Every structure is written in C-alpha cells, then in structure tokens.
Amino acid sequence: MKNQTVNILLVDDREENLIALEAVLSAKNYNLIKAYSGEEALKYVLKEEFAVIIMDVQMPGINGFETAKMIRKRKKTQNVPIIFITALSQTVENILHGYSVGAIDYIIKPFDALILTYKVDGLVAMYLNKKKVEEQAKTIAKYTNELAEAYRALQINEEKLEALVKERTNELSLTNEKLLREINEKEAAMLKLEESEEKYRQLTEESPMAILVKKDHCDTYSFINQTGVQLFKANSKEDVLKQPIKKLIHPGDYERIEKLKEEREKGQFTLEARLVCMNGEVIDAEVKSIPLIYKGEQALHLMIRDITELKRSREFMQQSEKLTVVGELAAGIAHEIRNPLTSLKGFTQLLGDQMDCNHEYMDIMITEIERINTIVGELLLLAKPSKLEFKQINLGDILENIITLMNAQANLYGVKIKLESSQSLSDRYIFGIEDKIKQVFINLVKNAIESMEDGGEVIIQVMEGEKYFEIKFIDGGCGIPREILSKLGQPFFTTKDRGTGLGLMVCYSIIESHHGTMLIDSACGQGTTVSVSLPLFCTETVIY
C-alpha cells in the first residue's frame, strides 16, 4: 500500500499558484487534481476521494471558507484534511475562522515548500494507514466469521458424536453385523471432527492477527500461532507458551485487565493494553476475546493486533497541531513586544547620551531591555525553526559539561549523576546546535533531580545505533501517573508548583528541529525514563 496513488485536490483561482503547488508535490506518488473555483472543487469532491485538500481563501464566487463548510457538511468528506494557503487573509480573525470551519492547517504565502511537503506527506501517511486499517478490519471480520462457522461445525459434530456413542452403548446386545455398522458410523463422525479441527487450525495459523488460546484457571497460554510468535519477538512458540501470562503483560495494565475480565460476562471483551515482548520491548496492542471450548475445557480465544505505530502517529499529529497553534500565538505576541521595545531602547540610549544622569542606571536599563529582547527571541523559536548554524558537536564533551554543571544542584538533593556508555564518547559526534542540545539535556537532568526528594541516582545511558544516538535519562523518582503521561509537552501543562508548562514543549521543539525524537516512559513508584534520539554526524548530514 506504500506505493498506492492517492488524490490531492488543489483549489486556487490563479493558474500560477496551482502550477507552483504542482511543482512542490509532483515528485511524490500523488494524483494532483486542479480546481479553479469553490464550485469546481465541490464537483470534484462529489466524484472523487481525496487524501488532502489544499485551498486558497480568496476566490471569486464561493470563497475558501464557504467551500470548506460545505465539504464538512457532507458525511463522506467531513474528515478530509483541509489546508488553507493564502497571501491575503493573514489576520488572526481569518486564521481562527479558517480553523473553525474545519481546516487542519493555515499557511501564509510565501510558504516553505519543504514544510508543506512534510505536512502533506504526514497527512497522506495517515490516510494510507486508515485505508490499511480498514482493509485489515475487513480481513479480520472475514476470518472471524469463518472461525465462528468452524467452531459451530465443531460443536455440532461433537454433539452428534456424543449422541451416537450413547445410542450405540444401549445397543451392545445387537448382532455383530449391526455392531460393525455402528463402528463404521463412529469412524465417519470422527473423520468429520478431525477435518473440522484441521480447518480451524489452518484458519488460525494463517490469520494476519496474533491468535492465542488461554484455558480457564491456567496461568500460561495453551496455543499461539506464528503471527503471535512474531508479535512477541520470540524464537519459537514454546518460548511464549512456557512464560507466565503475567510476565507478558505490562505491570501497569495487568490488574486492570483482570478486573475487566471479571466484570464482563462470558469472557467476551475488547481492550487496549501494553504487552511485554521476549526482548523486553513494550508494545501497545488491541486485544479481542471470544469464549470457546478448547480440548474439552473452557477457554478464551484471544486476537491481538499491534497498534504501537498507529498510536504514535496520532500522538505526533496532535502534538504538531498544538505546537503550530502555540507557535503562531507566540510569534504574534513577540512581534508586538519587539516594536515598542526597539523605541524604548533607542530613547533610553538617547537620554543617556544627552542628559547628565547616573550612567550605571542607564546601563542596567539597557541590559534589561536586551534580556527582554532575548526572551522574545526564545518565544519566536516556538513559531518556526530559525536558520541556525548546525555543526559537528562532540557528544561526550556536552554530557561531561552537563554533569559538571548539574552536580552542584544534585548534591543539594543527595543525588548522584552517573554516565553509562558501552564505548568511549571522545570521538562520537552529532550534528546540531550545541547551546540548544545543552538546553534540552539540562532541562531533563534538572527534572530528574527534582523528582527525587529523598536522593538517589540519575543514570545517563548512551547507545549508538546505525544512524542515531539514543540518550536515556533514567531517574528513580516518584514517577508520573499514566493518565497524565500523554499531556506532557502540551502548552502550559506542568506538574510543578511553580512551573510554566513551556520547558518540555521547547525541548520537543528543539529535538524535532534536529530531526530527532523524544519519548517519555513512566509509572507511579517506578521512576521515569526519557529517551532522546539524535542523528549521528556524517559529511552528508544536512538539516533545514
């Protein structure tokens, strides 16, 4: 499905704008359809299915806002992502109006072609993932029906066999000829039973979902198909079947699952849970349960699907949308502050030159004005990446400097900072901006120290992959409740009494601008692990 051609609708009343959009997106596997008005766009929407709609706001006839409203009113197209691109409607009111009528993004011309390409690629990837999930759902429904039919046939044959055995037991006094006939009938019934069991086994083994069977009052699984072996990253079925079920379920979810099973009648339920693979990796999974009889005993037929990538994709899009909105607001505020700040600085310097006053006070005022200007510049970082100078940075030097800098604060809390690496970091380099990377690392170490009020140890682990360094910041603090873990990094959300809620958001923004990732894993009473991945330095590395 990766190479599937998808439709993208380009709507603009100016031919040159449509040609520019075609030039940006034509290199992809996209079918670009052009519409020169809102009316023409609505006609295409009725006939075709689109992954993304890119639309101008100011158009003769029906404008972009009205066209978006009409598209959203139609059930079939109400979830199609719409991106507004305009050079005229740049006011905050128009931007907010664009989001209110259903736009997923609002881009001002001239736009950055690379950013637009990344956004469209992300939306197309979500569209293809959705199509893939729908196809899988149809396949699962088909296999489920076939399994149900096989199961019903199995039960019918078992009942026939049981009735036949009882009937023949009461007729043991009949002649040898009649007894032989009865034996033949029993063998035929057994053959049908074996055929049904074989059909059930084949359907189970060939299922695209992981299939497991758990007998009642048993703490291990009784059956697993090959897809399940791959899901748990095991070498063989025996590796999974000999493991206690409790070890294959994340400790934070085990009690919840057991409680849910007790509440649901007959063991039939659907839920999401974290599973622990044989190599220790934790994955998110969707679990469906159906009761059945397995080898004469009550059991549960479990169907499991890995949804880790799907959840990460949703969280990434949500985080990107929030950062975009906050960034635009921050940029607007910073712009309005800088205008009067420039005048204030100029008049202060003028007064210092023309008046006989305390120059020490004037210097302090000018210094503080410069500090305000620096803070405003930090706010502008949230709006869009600056064209900063990326260069080769020694990872070992940065971490040593951070540990030296933070040791004083760590000592106050009774905390030790420990650096662990499988090899020397003296000649290991990343590509980025040293001050920004230090800003992220200091923030993470500071958070780790402050989480351990009774002292402890902060471990910084460094692992080198083929293309990325993974730096883990591990603390033994109180941990973070699962229900608020997904909120970390959101604008103005903080768990600290005096926090602003901007620290982690800026960290996410910096790491993203370095083409890296930052993931947080935590549970109450188990500490927190923050994993930062950054690309290795190489001569071909280029970051925009």
Protein backbone atom coordinates (compact mmCIF):
# COMPACT_ATOMS: atom_id res chain seq x y z
CA MET A 1 0.00 0.00 0.00
CA LYS A 2 3.10 2.24 0.27
CA ASN A 3 3.16 2.96 -3.49
CA GLN A 4 -0.59 3.46 -3.83
CA THR A 5 -1.54 6.57 -5.79
CA VAL A 6 -3.72 8.99 -3.80
CA ASN A 7 -5.73 12.02 -4.97
CA ILE A 8 -4.86 15.53 -3.77
CA LEU A 9 -7.18 18.42 -4.68
CA LEU A 10 -5.54 21.83 -5.40
CA VAL A 11 -8.00 24.75 -5.37
CA ASP A 12 -6.97 28.27 -6.50
CA ASP A 13 -8.39 30.76 -8.98
CA ARG A 14 -4.86 31.65 -10.20
CA GLU A 15 -3.14 29.29 -12.63
CA GLU A 16 0.36 30.29 -11.49
CA ASN A 17 -0.41 29.31 -7.89
CA LEU A 18 -1.66 25.89 -8.99
CA ILE A 19 1.48 25.39 -11.09
CA ALA A 20 3.63 26.25 -8.05
CA LEU A 21 1.79 23.71 -5.88
CA GLU A 22 2.15 21.08 -8.63
CA ALA A 23 5.89 21.71 -8.76
CA VAL A 24 6.22 21.19 -4.98
CA LEU A 25 4.16 17.96 -4.86
CA SER A 26 4.69 16.41 -8.31
CA ALA A 27 7.72 14.34 -7.27
CA LYS A 28 5.53 12.22 -4.96
CA ASN A 29 3.20 9.37 -5.91
CA TYR A 30 0.25 11.77 -5.90
CA ASN A 31 -2.56 12.33 -8.44
CA LEU A 32 -2.87 16.13 -8.37
CA ILE A 33 -6.30 17.43 -9.43
CA LYS A 34 -6.74 21.19 -10.05
CA ALA A 35 -9.89 23.23 -9.43
CA TYR A 36 -10.14 26.94 -10.30
CA SER A 37 -13.07 27.81 -8.01
CA GLY A 38 -15.02 26.67 -4.98
CA GLU A 39 -17.85 25.43 -7.20
CA GLU A 40 -15.49 23.29 -9.29
CA ALA A 41 -13.86 21.91 -6.13
CA LEU A 42 -17.26 20.80 -4.78
CA LYS A 43 -17.97 18.94 -8.04
CA TYR A 44 -14.69 17.03 -7.75
CA VAL A 45 -15.39 16.21 -4.09
CA LEU A 46 -18.69 14.58 -5.11
CA LYS A 47 -16.93 12.38 -7.70
CA GLU A 48 -13.53 11.53 -6.19
CA GLU A 49 -11.99 10.57 -2.85
CA PHE A 50 -9.15 12.82 -1.65
CA ALA A 51 -6.41 12.31 0.93
CA VAL A 52 -5.76 16.10 1.31
CA ILE A 53 -7.36 19.33 0.01
CA ILE A 54 -5.09 22.41 -0.39
CA MET A 55 -7.23 25.53 -0.93
CA ASP A 56 -6.88 29.27 -1.40
CA VAL A 57 -9.13 31.52 0.77
CA GLN A 58 -9.82 34.49 -1.53
CA MET A 59 -11.62 33.27 -4.66
CA PRO A 60 -14.45 34.68 -6.81
CA GLY A 61 -17.85 33.14 -6.19
CA ILE A 62 -17.67 30.77 -3.23
CA ASN A 63 -14.58 31.58 -1.16
CA GLY A 64 -12.38 29.02 0.58
CA PHE A 65 -14.15 29.28 3.97
CA GLU A 66 -17.63 28.64 2.47
CA THR A 67 -16.27 25.78 0.34
CA ALA A 68 -14.72 24.15 3.45
CA LYS A 69 -18.04 24.47 5.31
CA MET A 70 -19.90 22.67 2.51
CA ILE A 71 -17.27 19.91 2.39
CA ARG A 72 -17.55 19.40 6.17
CA LYS A 73 -21.38 19.13 5.98
CA ARG A 74 -21.12 16.04 3.77
CA LYS A 75 -20.66 12.89 5.88
CA LYS A 76 -18.37 11.20 3.36
CA THR A 77 -15.94 14.16 3.26
CA GLN A 78 -16.29 15.63 6.75
CA ASN A 79 -12.91 14.19 7.88
CA VAL A 80 -10.84 15.06 4.78
CA PRO A 81 -7.87 17.24 5.92
CA ILE A 82 -8.05 20.82 4.52
CA ILE A 83 -5.00 23.15 4.39
CA PHE A 84 -5.61 26.84 3.64
CA ILE A 85 -2.83 28.67 1.75
CA THR A 86 -3.32 32.42 1.29
CA ALA A 87 -1.43 35.66 0.86
CA LEU A 88 -4.32 37.99 1.75
CA SER A 89 -6.24 36.65 4.74
CA GLN A 90 -3.42 36.92 7.30
CA THR A 91 -5.32 38.40 10.24
CA VAL A 92 -5.75 36.43 13.45
CA GLU A 93 -9.53 36.57 12.94
CA ASN A 94 -9.26 34.98 9.47
CA ILE A 95 -6.83 32.36 10.74
CA LEU A 96 -9.11 31.42 13.64
CA HIS A 97 -12.09 31.44 11.25
CA GLY A 98 -10.19 29.05 8.98
CA TYR A 99 -9.68 26.60 11.84
CA SER A 100 -13.32 26.99 12.93
CA VAL A 101 -14.67 25.91 9.52
CA GLY A 102 -12.62 22.70 9.64
CA ALA A 103 -9.09 23.48 8.41
CA ILE A 104 -6.28 21.34 9.83
CA ASP A 105 -3.65 23.99 8.99
CA TYR A 106 -3.42 27.63 7.78
CA ILE A 107 -0.30 28.57 5.79
CA ILE A 108 0.69 32.12 4.78
CA LYS A 109 2.27 32.79 1.37
CA PRO A 110 5.08 32.73 0.52
CA PHE A 111 5.28 29.29 2.10
CA ASP A 112 8.20 26.94 2.78
CA ALA A 113 7.97 24.16 0.17
CA LEU A 114 9.72 21.63 2.41
CA ILE A 115 7.38 22.25 5.36
CA LEU A 116 4.34 21.95 3.07
CA THR A 117 5.73 18.70 1.64
CA TYR A 118 6.29 17.26 5.14
CA LYS A 119 2.78 18.20 6.24
CA VAL A 120 1.17 16.73 3.12
CA ASP A 121 3.32 13.58 3.43
CA GLY A 122 2.21 13.18 7.06
CA LEU A 123 -1.48 13.59 6.19
CA VAL A 124 -1.17 11.18 3.24
CA ALA A 125 0.57 8.65 5.52
CA MET A 126 -2.34 8.90 7.97
CA TYR A 127 -4.81 8.45 5.09
CA LEU A 128 -2.98 5.34 3.85
CA ASN A 129 -2.77 3.95 7.41
CA LYS A 130 -6.50 4.46 7.77
CA LYS A 131 -7.11 2.59 4.50
CA LYS A 132 -4.82 -0.18 5.66
CA VAL A 133 -6.66 -0.49 8.99
CA GLU A 134 -10.00 -0.65 7.13
CA GLU A 135 -8.69 -3.45 4.90
CA GLN A 136 -7.37 -5.31 7.94
CA ALA A 137 -10.74 -4.90 9.66
CA LYS A 138 -12.49 -6.49 6.67
CA THR A 139 -9.98 -9.37 6.66
CA ILE A 140 -10.41 -9.85 10.42
CA ALA A 141 -14.19 -9.85 10.07
CA LYS A 142 -13.94 -12.49 7.33
CA TYR A 143 -11.65 -14.72 9.42
CA THR A 144 -13.82 -14.20 12.50
CA ASN A 145 -16.91 -15.40 10.61
CA GLU A 146 -15.03 -18.38 9.23
CA LEU A 147 -13.73 -19.22 12.71
CA ALA A 148 -17.24 -18.95 14.12
CA GLU A 149 -18.59 -21.26 11.41
CA ALA A 150 -15.79 -23.75 12.02
CA TYR A 151 -16.45 -23.58 15.75
CA ARG A 152 -20.20 -24.17 15.24
CA ALA A 153 -19.46 -27.10 12.96
CA LEU A 154 -17.08 -28.47 15.58
CA GLN A 155 -19.74 -28.26 18.28
CA ILE A 156 -22.38 -29.90 16.04
CA ASN A 157 -20.04 -32.79 15.23
CA GLU A 158 -19.15 -33.22 18.89
CA GLU A 159 -22.83 -33.37 19.83
CA LYS A 160 -23.52 -35.89 17.06
CA LEU A 161 -20.61 -37.99 18.20
CA GLU A 162 -21.76 -37.94 21.80
CA ALA A 163 -25.33 -38.91 20.84
CA LEU A 164 -24.04 -41.65 18.62
CA VAL A 165 -21.87 -43.12 21.38
CA LYS A 166 -24.78 -43.12 23.86
CA GLU A 167 -27.11 -44.74 21.33
CA ARG A 168 -24.65 -47.49 20.45
CA THR A 169 -23.88 -48.18 24.12
CA ASN A 170 -27.52 -49.09 24.71
CA GLU A 171 -27.47 -51.49 21.74
CA LEU A 172 -24.44 -53.62 22.65
CA SER A 173 -26.59 -56.77 22.60
CA LEU A 174 -27.26 -56.50 18.87
CA THR A 175 -25.63 -58.72 16.32
CA ASN A 176 -22.02 -58.42 15.19
CA GLU A 177 -23.18 -57.10 11.85
CA LYS A 178 -25.07 -54.24 13.50
CA LEU A 179 -22.10 -53.56 15.82
CA LEU A 180 -19.76 -53.34 12.83
CA ARG A 181 -22.09 -50.87 11.13
CA GLU A 182 -22.14 -48.72 14.24
CA ILE A 183 -18.36 -48.73 14.43
CA ASN A 184 -18.16 -47.57 10.83
CA GLU A 185 -20.58 -44.71 11.52
CA LYS A 186 -18.50 -43.66 14.52
CA GLU A 187 -15.32 -43.63 12.46
CA ALA A 188 -17.03 -41.44 9.84
CA ALA A 189 -18.09 -38.97 12.53
CA MET A 190 -14.53 -38.91 13.91
CA LEU A 191 -13.21 -38.18 10.42
CA LYS A 192 -15.53 -35.17 10.09
CA LEU A 193 -14.46 -33.97 13.52
CA GLU A 194 -10.79 -34.18 12.55
CA GLU A 195 -11.49 -32.33 9.30
CA SER A 196 -13.23 -29.54 11.23
CA GLU A 197 -10.35 -29.31 13.70
CA GLU A 198 -7.85 -29.19 10.84
CA LYS A 199 -9.80 -26.41 9.13
CA TYR A 200 -9.91 -24.46 12.41
CA ARG A 201 -6.14 -24.94 12.85
CA GLN A 202 -5.36 -23.76 9.30
CA LEU A 203 -7.55 -20.66 9.63
CA THR A 204 -5.88 -19.84 12.95
CA GLU A 205 -2.31 -20.33 11.71
CA GLU A 206 -2.90 -18.24 8.56
CA SER A 207 -4.61 -15.37 10.41
CA PRO A 208 -2.90 -11.95 9.98
CA MET A 209 -3.61 -11.32 13.67
CA ALA A 210 -1.86 -12.94 16.62
CA ILE A 211 -4.10 -15.76 17.93
CA LEU A 212 -3.67 -17.15 21.45
CA VAL A 213 -5.77 -19.55 23.50
CA LYS A 214 -5.91 -19.37 27.31
CA LYS A 215 -7.64 -22.08 29.31
CA ASP A 216 -9.60 -21.05 32.40
CA HIS A 217 -7.63 -21.29 35.67
CA CYS A 218 -4.34 -21.59 33.76
CA ASP A 219 -1.52 -19.03 34.12
CA THR A 220 0.11 -19.79 30.73
CA TYR A 221 -1.17 -19.78 27.16
CA SER A 222 -2.14 -23.15 25.64
CA PHE A 223 -1.80 -22.16 21.97
CA ILE A 224 -0.21 -19.42 19.84
CA ASN A 225 0.03 -19.04 16.06
CA GLN A 226 3.13 -17.95 14.11
CA THR A 227 1.89 -14.35 13.88
CA GLY A 228 1.79 -14.30 17.69
CA VAL A 229 5.40 -15.55 17.85
CA GLN A 230 6.43 -12.61 15.63
CA LEU A 231 4.36 -10.16 17.71
CA PHE A 232 6.16 -11.17 20.93
CA LYS A 233 9.53 -11.25 19.07
CA ALA A 234 10.18 -14.84 20.21
CA ASN A 235 12.28 -17.54 18.55
CA SER A 236 9.60 -20.25 18.80
CA LYS A 237 6.08 -20.94 20.06
CA GLU A 238 7.49 -22.77 23.09
CA ASP A 239 9.30 -19.60 24.24
CA VAL A 240 5.93 -17.84 24.64
CA LEU A 241 3.85 -20.81 25.86
CA LYS A 242 6.18 -21.54 28.79
CA GLN A 243 6.10 -17.90 30.00
CA PRO A 244 3.59 -16.95 32.74
CA ILE A 245 0.91 -14.67 31.28
CA LYS A 246 1.63 -12.07 33.95
CA LYS A 247 5.17 -11.58 32.55
CA LEU A 248 3.82 -10.89 29.05
CA ILE A 249 1.51 -8.06 30.22
CA HIS A 250 2.85 -4.70 31.41
CA PRO A 251 2.61 -4.46 35.23
CA GLY A 252 0.67 -1.20 34.93
CA ASP A 253 -2.10 -2.91 32.92
CA TYR A 254 -2.32 -6.42 34.43
CA GLU A 255 -4.68 -5.64 37.33
CA ARG A 256 -6.91 -3.54 35.05
CA ILE A 257 -7.25 -6.43 32.58
CA GLU A 258 -8.02 -8.97 35.33
CA LYS A 259 -10.68 -6.69 36.81
CA LEU A 260 -12.22 -6.11 33.37
CA LYS A 261 -12.38 -9.88 32.68
CA GLU A 262 -14.28 -10.40 35.94
CA GLU A 263 -16.81 -7.69 35.08
CA ARG A 264 -17.54 -8.86 31.50
CA GLU A 265 -19.94 -11.74 31.05
CA LYS A 266 -18.66 -14.97 29.46
CA GLY A 267 -15.16 -13.51 28.95
CA GLN A 268 -16.03 -11.51 25.81
CA PHE A 269 -14.31 -8.11 25.73
CA THR A 270 -12.18 -5.70 23.65
CA LEU A 271 -9.47 -3.51 25.19
CA GLU A 272 -6.13 -1.81 24.64
CA ALA A 273 -3.13 -2.83 26.73
CA ARG A 274 0.65 -2.77 26.81
CA LEU A 275 2.39 -6.11 26.21
CA VAL A 276 5.98 -7.05 27.04
CA CYS A 277 7.89 -8.84 24.25
CA MET A 278 10.50 -11.53 24.86
CA ASN A 279 13.30 -9.00 24.28
CA GLY A 280 11.82 -6.62 26.88
CA GLU A 281 10.29 -4.22 24.36
CA VAL A 282 6.87 -2.83 25.33
CA ILE A 283 4.21 -2.52 22.60
CA ASP A 284 0.65 -1.17 22.52
CA ALA A 285 -1.91 -3.75 21.42
CA GLU A 286 -5.64 -4.17 20.83
CA VAL A 287 -6.99 -7.39 22.37
CA LYS A 288 -10.31 -9.05 21.47
CA SER A 289 -11.58 -12.05 23.43
CA ILE A 290 -14.13 -14.74 22.44
CA PRO A 291 -15.03 -17.70 24.71
CA LEU A 292 -14.63 -21.22 23.28
CA ILE A 293 -14.12 -24.86 24.22
CA TYR A 294 -10.51 -25.91 23.67
CA LYS A 295 -9.70 -29.61 24.04
CA GLY A 296 -12.80 -30.13 26.15
CA GLU A 297 -12.14 -27.21 28.52
CA GLN A 298 -13.48 -23.67 28.84
CA ALA A 299 -11.03 -21.22 27.31
CA LEU A 300 -10.62 -17.76 25.74
CA HIS A 301 -9.78 -17.20 22.07
CA LEU A 302 -7.63 -14.03 22.03
CA MET A 303 -6.99 -11.94 18.88
CA ILE A 304 -4.18 -9.39 19.28
CA ARG A 305 -3.13 -6.56 16.94
CA ASP A 306 -0.05 -4.31 17.35
CA ILE A 307 -1.21 -0.65 17.33
CA THR A 308 2.05 0.94 18.55
CA GLU A 309 2.81 2.82 15.33
CA LEU A 310 -0.83 3.87 14.92
CA LYS A 311 -0.89 5.45 18.40
CA ARG A 312 2.45 7.19 17.87
CA SER A 313 1.21 8.60 14.56
CA ARG A 314 -1.90 10.01 16.22
CA GLU A 315 0.08 11.50 19.13
CA PHE A 316 2.64 13.04 16.73
CA MET A 317 -0.07 14.77 14.68
CA GLN A 318 -1.82 16.06 17.82
CA GLN A 319 1.48 17.38 19.22
CA SER A 320 2.36 19.04 15.88
CA GLU A 321 -1.02 20.78 15.68
CA LYS A 322 -0.69 22.12 19.23
CA LEU A 323 2.86 23.38 18.64
CA THR A 324 1.72 25.09 15.43
CA VAL A 325 -1.11 26.96 17.18
CA VAL A 326 1.02 27.96 20.19
CA GLY A 327 3.87 28.96 17.89
CA GLU A 328 1.69 31.29 15.86
CA LEU A 329 0.32 32.92 19.02
CA ALA A 330 3.86 33.27 20.46
CA ALA A 331 5.13 34.81 17.23
CA GLY A 332 2.30 37.36 17.22
CA ILE A 333 2.91 38.33 20.84
CA ALA A 334 6.70 38.55 20.32
CA HIS A 335 6.24 40.75 17.24
CA GLU A 336 4.01 43.19 19.13
CA ILE A 337 6.51 43.40 22.02
CA ARG A 338 9.56 44.00 19.82
CA ASN A 339 8.15 47.11 18.13
CA PRO A 340 7.78 49.21 21.34
CA LEU A 341 10.94 47.56 22.74
CA THR A 342 13.01 49.00 19.89
CA SER A 343 11.71 52.50 20.57
CA LEU A 344 12.29 52.10 24.32
CA LYS A 345 15.91 51.04 23.79
CA GLY A 346 16.59 53.89 21.36
CA PHE A 347 15.17 56.62 23.61
CA THR A 348 16.98 55.19 26.65
CA GLN A 349 20.32 55.36 24.83
CA LEU A 350 19.46 58.88 23.61
CA LEU A 351 18.63 60.05 27.15
CA GLY A 352 21.90 58.57 28.42
CA ASP A 353 23.89 60.50 25.81
CA GLN A 354 22.07 63.84 26.21
CA MET A 355 21.36 64.05 29.94
CA ASP A 356 23.67 64.29 32.88
CA CYS A 357 22.42 61.26 34.81
CA ASN A 358 23.64 58.14 36.52
CA HIS A 359 25.11 56.11 33.63
CA GLU A 360 25.19 52.99 35.79
CA TYR A 361 21.38 53.05 35.95
CA MET A 362 21.19 53.63 32.21
CA ASP A 363 23.46 50.63 31.55
CA ILE A 364 21.28 48.45 33.79
CA MET A 365 18.15 49.58 31.92
CA ILE A 366 19.69 48.83 28.52
CA THR A 367 20.93 45.41 29.77
CA GLU A 368 17.43 44.51 30.99
CA ILE A 369 15.90 45.64 27.68
CA GLU A 370 18.36 43.33 25.87
CA ARG A 371 17.32 40.50 28.20
CA ILE A 372 13.65 41.07 27.33
CA ASN A 373 14.61 41.00 23.65
CA THR A 374 16.39 37.65 24.18
CA ILE A 375 13.27 36.17 25.87
CA VAL A 376 11.15 37.38 22.95
CA GLY A 377 13.57 35.65 20.61
CA GLU A 378 13.04 32.38 22.53
CA LEU A 379 9.30 32.76 22.04
CA LEU A 380 9.86 33.11 18.31
CA LEU A 381 11.59 29.69 18.33
CA LEU A 382 8.18 28.16 19.01
CA ALA A 383 6.74 29.70 15.85
CA LYS A 384 9.10 28.18 13.28
CA PRO A 385 12.70 26.86 13.15
CA SER A 386 15.32 29.55 12.71
CA LYS A 387 18.02 29.18 10.10
CA LEU A 388 20.57 28.47 12.81
CA GLU A 389 24.04 27.17 12.14
CA PHE A 390 24.26 23.40 12.61
CA LYS A 391 27.70 21.99 13.09
CA GLN A 392 29.66 18.98 14.33
CA ILE A 393 29.31 18.58 18.13
CA ASN A 394 31.20 16.19 20.42
CA LEU A 395 28.53 14.28 22.37
CA GLY A 396 30.94 13.21 25.12
CA ASP A 397 32.03 16.82 25.82
CA ILE A 398 28.42 18.00 26.05
CA LEU A 399 27.43 15.27 28.55
CA GLU A 400 30.56 15.84 30.68
CA ASN A 401 29.83 19.59 30.78
CA ILE A 402 26.20 18.96 31.73
CA ILE A 403 27.17 16.58 34.56
CA THR A 404 29.74 19.06 35.90
CA LEU A 405 27.22 21.91 35.71
CA MET A 406 24.38 19.97 37.41
CA ASN A 407 26.46 18.26 40.13
CA ALA A 408 26.04 21.24 42.48
CA GLN A 409 22.25 21.05 42.36
CA ALA A 410 22.40 17.23 42.55
CA ASN A 411 24.44 17.39 45.77
CA LEU A 412 21.78 19.60 47.37
CA TYR A 413 19.20 16.85 46.74
CA GLY A 414 21.55 13.99 47.68
CA VAL A 415 21.54 12.76 44.09
CA LYS A 416 24.44 11.26 42.09
CA ILE A 417 24.68 11.62 38.30
CA LYS A 418 26.14 8.60 36.52
CA LEU A 419 27.12 8.34 32.82
CA GLU A 420 26.97 4.88 31.22
CA SER A 421 28.20 4.06 27.71
CA SER A 422 29.29 0.83 26.01
CA GLN A 423 32.21 2.68 24.39
CA SER A 424 34.25 5.87 24.64
CA LEU A 425 32.41 9.05 23.61
CA SER A 426 35.53 11.13 23.00
CA ASP A 427 35.25 10.73 19.21
CA ARG A 428 31.47 10.47 18.87
CA TYR A 429 29.73 13.40 17.19
CA ILE A 430 26.21 14.61 16.44
CA PHE A 431 25.05 17.32 14.04
CA GLY A 432 23.25 20.25 15.67
CA ILE A 433 23.39 23.44 17.73
CA GLU A 434 25.37 22.96 20.93
CA ASP A 435 23.50 25.53 23.09
CA LYS A 436 20.12 24.09 22.12
CA ILE A 437 21.16 20.48 22.83
CA LYS A 438 22.58 21.59 26.19
CA GLN A 439 19.31 23.39 26.94
CA VAL A 440 17.36 20.12 26.42
CA PHE A 441 19.80 17.96 28.44
CA ILE A 442 19.95 20.44 31.36
CA ASN A 443 16.15 20.60 31.49
CA LEU A 444 15.85 16.77 31.55
CA VAL A 445 18.56 16.30 34.21
CA LYS A 446 17.06 19.09 36.33
CA ASN A 447 13.61 17.45 36.17
CA ALA A 448 15.14 14.09 37.14
CA ILE A 449 16.95 15.58 40.15
CA GLU A 450 13.87 17.44 41.39
CA SER A 451 11.77 14.24 41.18
CA MET A 452 13.94 12.52 43.84
CA GLU A 453 13.36 14.45 47.07
CA ASP A 454 14.94 11.68 49.18
CA GLY A 455 18.05 11.38 47.00
CA GLY A 456 19.03 8.65 44.57
CA GLU A 457 20.81 8.25 41.26
CA VAL A 458 20.29 9.76 37.81
CA ILE A 459 21.67 7.48 35.09
CA ILE A 460 22.51 8.82 31.63
CA GLN A 461 22.81 5.89 29.20
CA VAL A 462 24.24 6.36 25.69
CA MET A 463 23.72 3.74 22.97
CA GLU A 464 24.90 4.08 19.37
CA GLY A 465 22.78 2.72 16.53
CA GLU A 466 23.37 2.59 12.80
CA LYS A 467 22.17 6.15 12.18
CA TYR A 468 21.19 7.53 15.59
CA PHE A 469 22.47 8.01 19.12
CA GLU A 470 19.94 7.13 21.84
CA ILE A 471 20.47 9.02 25.10
CA LYS A 472 18.33 7.84 28.04
CA PHE A 473 17.85 9.91 31.22
CA ILE A 474 16.72 7.48 33.96
CA ASP A 475 15.70 8.53 37.48
CA GLY A 476 14.34 6.64 40.47
CA GLY A 477 11.81 9.29 41.43
CA CYS A 478 8.13 9.07 42.25
CA GLY A 479 7.15 8.57 38.59
CA ILE A 480 4.31 10.07 36.57
CA PRO A 481 0.72 8.72 36.55
CA ARG A 482 -0.21 7.04 33.27
CA GLU A 483 -3.30 9.20 32.83
CA ILE A 484 -1.26 12.45 32.60
CA LEU A 485 1.75 10.99 30.73
CA SER A 486 0.25 11.86 27.33
CA LYS A 487 -0.25 15.51 28.42
CA LEU A 488 3.47 16.17 28.97
CA GLY A 489 4.80 18.66 26.43
CA GLN A 490 1.44 20.33 25.94
CA PRO A 491 1.46 24.14 26.19
CA PHE A 492 1.24 25.40 29.80
CA PHE A 493 0.73 21.91 31.32
CA THR A 494 3.00 21.28 34.31
CA THR A 495 3.13 19.06 37.39
CA LYS A 496 5.33 21.56 39.29
CA ASP A 497 4.01 24.17 41.71
CA ARG A 498 5.99 26.96 40.00
CA GLY A 499 6.33 25.53 36.51
CA THR A 500 5.27 27.37 33.34
CA GLY A 501 4.49 24.34 31.22
CA LEU A 502 6.84 25.57 28.45
CA GLY A 503 10.06 23.68 29.29
CA LEU A 504 9.19 20.28 27.83
CA MET A 505 7.37 21.91 24.92
CA VAL A 506 10.56 23.80 23.97
CA CYS A 507 12.54 20.54 24.38
CA TYR A 508 10.20 18.74 21.98
CA SER A 509 10.53 21.65 19.52
CA ILE A 510 14.35 21.65 19.67
CA ILE A 511 14.66 17.87 19.24
CA GLU A 512 12.18 17.92 16.34
CA SER A 513 14.20 20.68 14.61
CA HIS A 514 17.26 18.39 14.90
CA HIS A 515 15.32 15.58 13.14
CA GLY A 516 15.28 13.56 16.38
CA THR A 517 12.64 12.11 18.69
CA MET A 518 11.90 12.33 22.42
CA LEU A 519 9.80 9.70 24.23
CA ILE A 520 8.79 9.60 27.93
CA ASP A 521 8.00 6.36 29.77
CA SER A 522 6.98 6.37 33.42
CA ALA A 523 4.75 4.81 36.06
CA CYS A 524 3.94 5.76 39.64
CA GLY A 525 6.61 4.47 42.02
CA GLN A 526 8.86 3.20 39.20
CA GLY A 527 10.70 6.35 38.14
CA THR A 528 10.86 7.95 34.72
CA THR A 529 12.90 7.28 31.56
CA VAL A 530 13.24 9.96 28.87
CA SER A 531 14.71 8.62 25.58
CA VAL A 532 16.21 11.15 23.16
CA SER A 533 17.32 10.01 19.67
CA LEU A 534 19.64 12.28 17.65
CA PRO A 535 21.19 11.59 14.21
CA LEU A 536 24.91 10.75 14.06
CA PHE A 537 27.16 13.27 12.37
CA CYS A 538 28.25 12.44 8.83
CA THR A 539 29.51 14.54 5.93
CA GLU A 540 26.20 14.14 4.07
CA THR A 541 24.09 15.35 7.02
CA VAL A 542 22.00 18.41 6.13
CA ILE A 543 19.21 19.79 8.35
CA TYR A 544 16.85 22.55 7.26
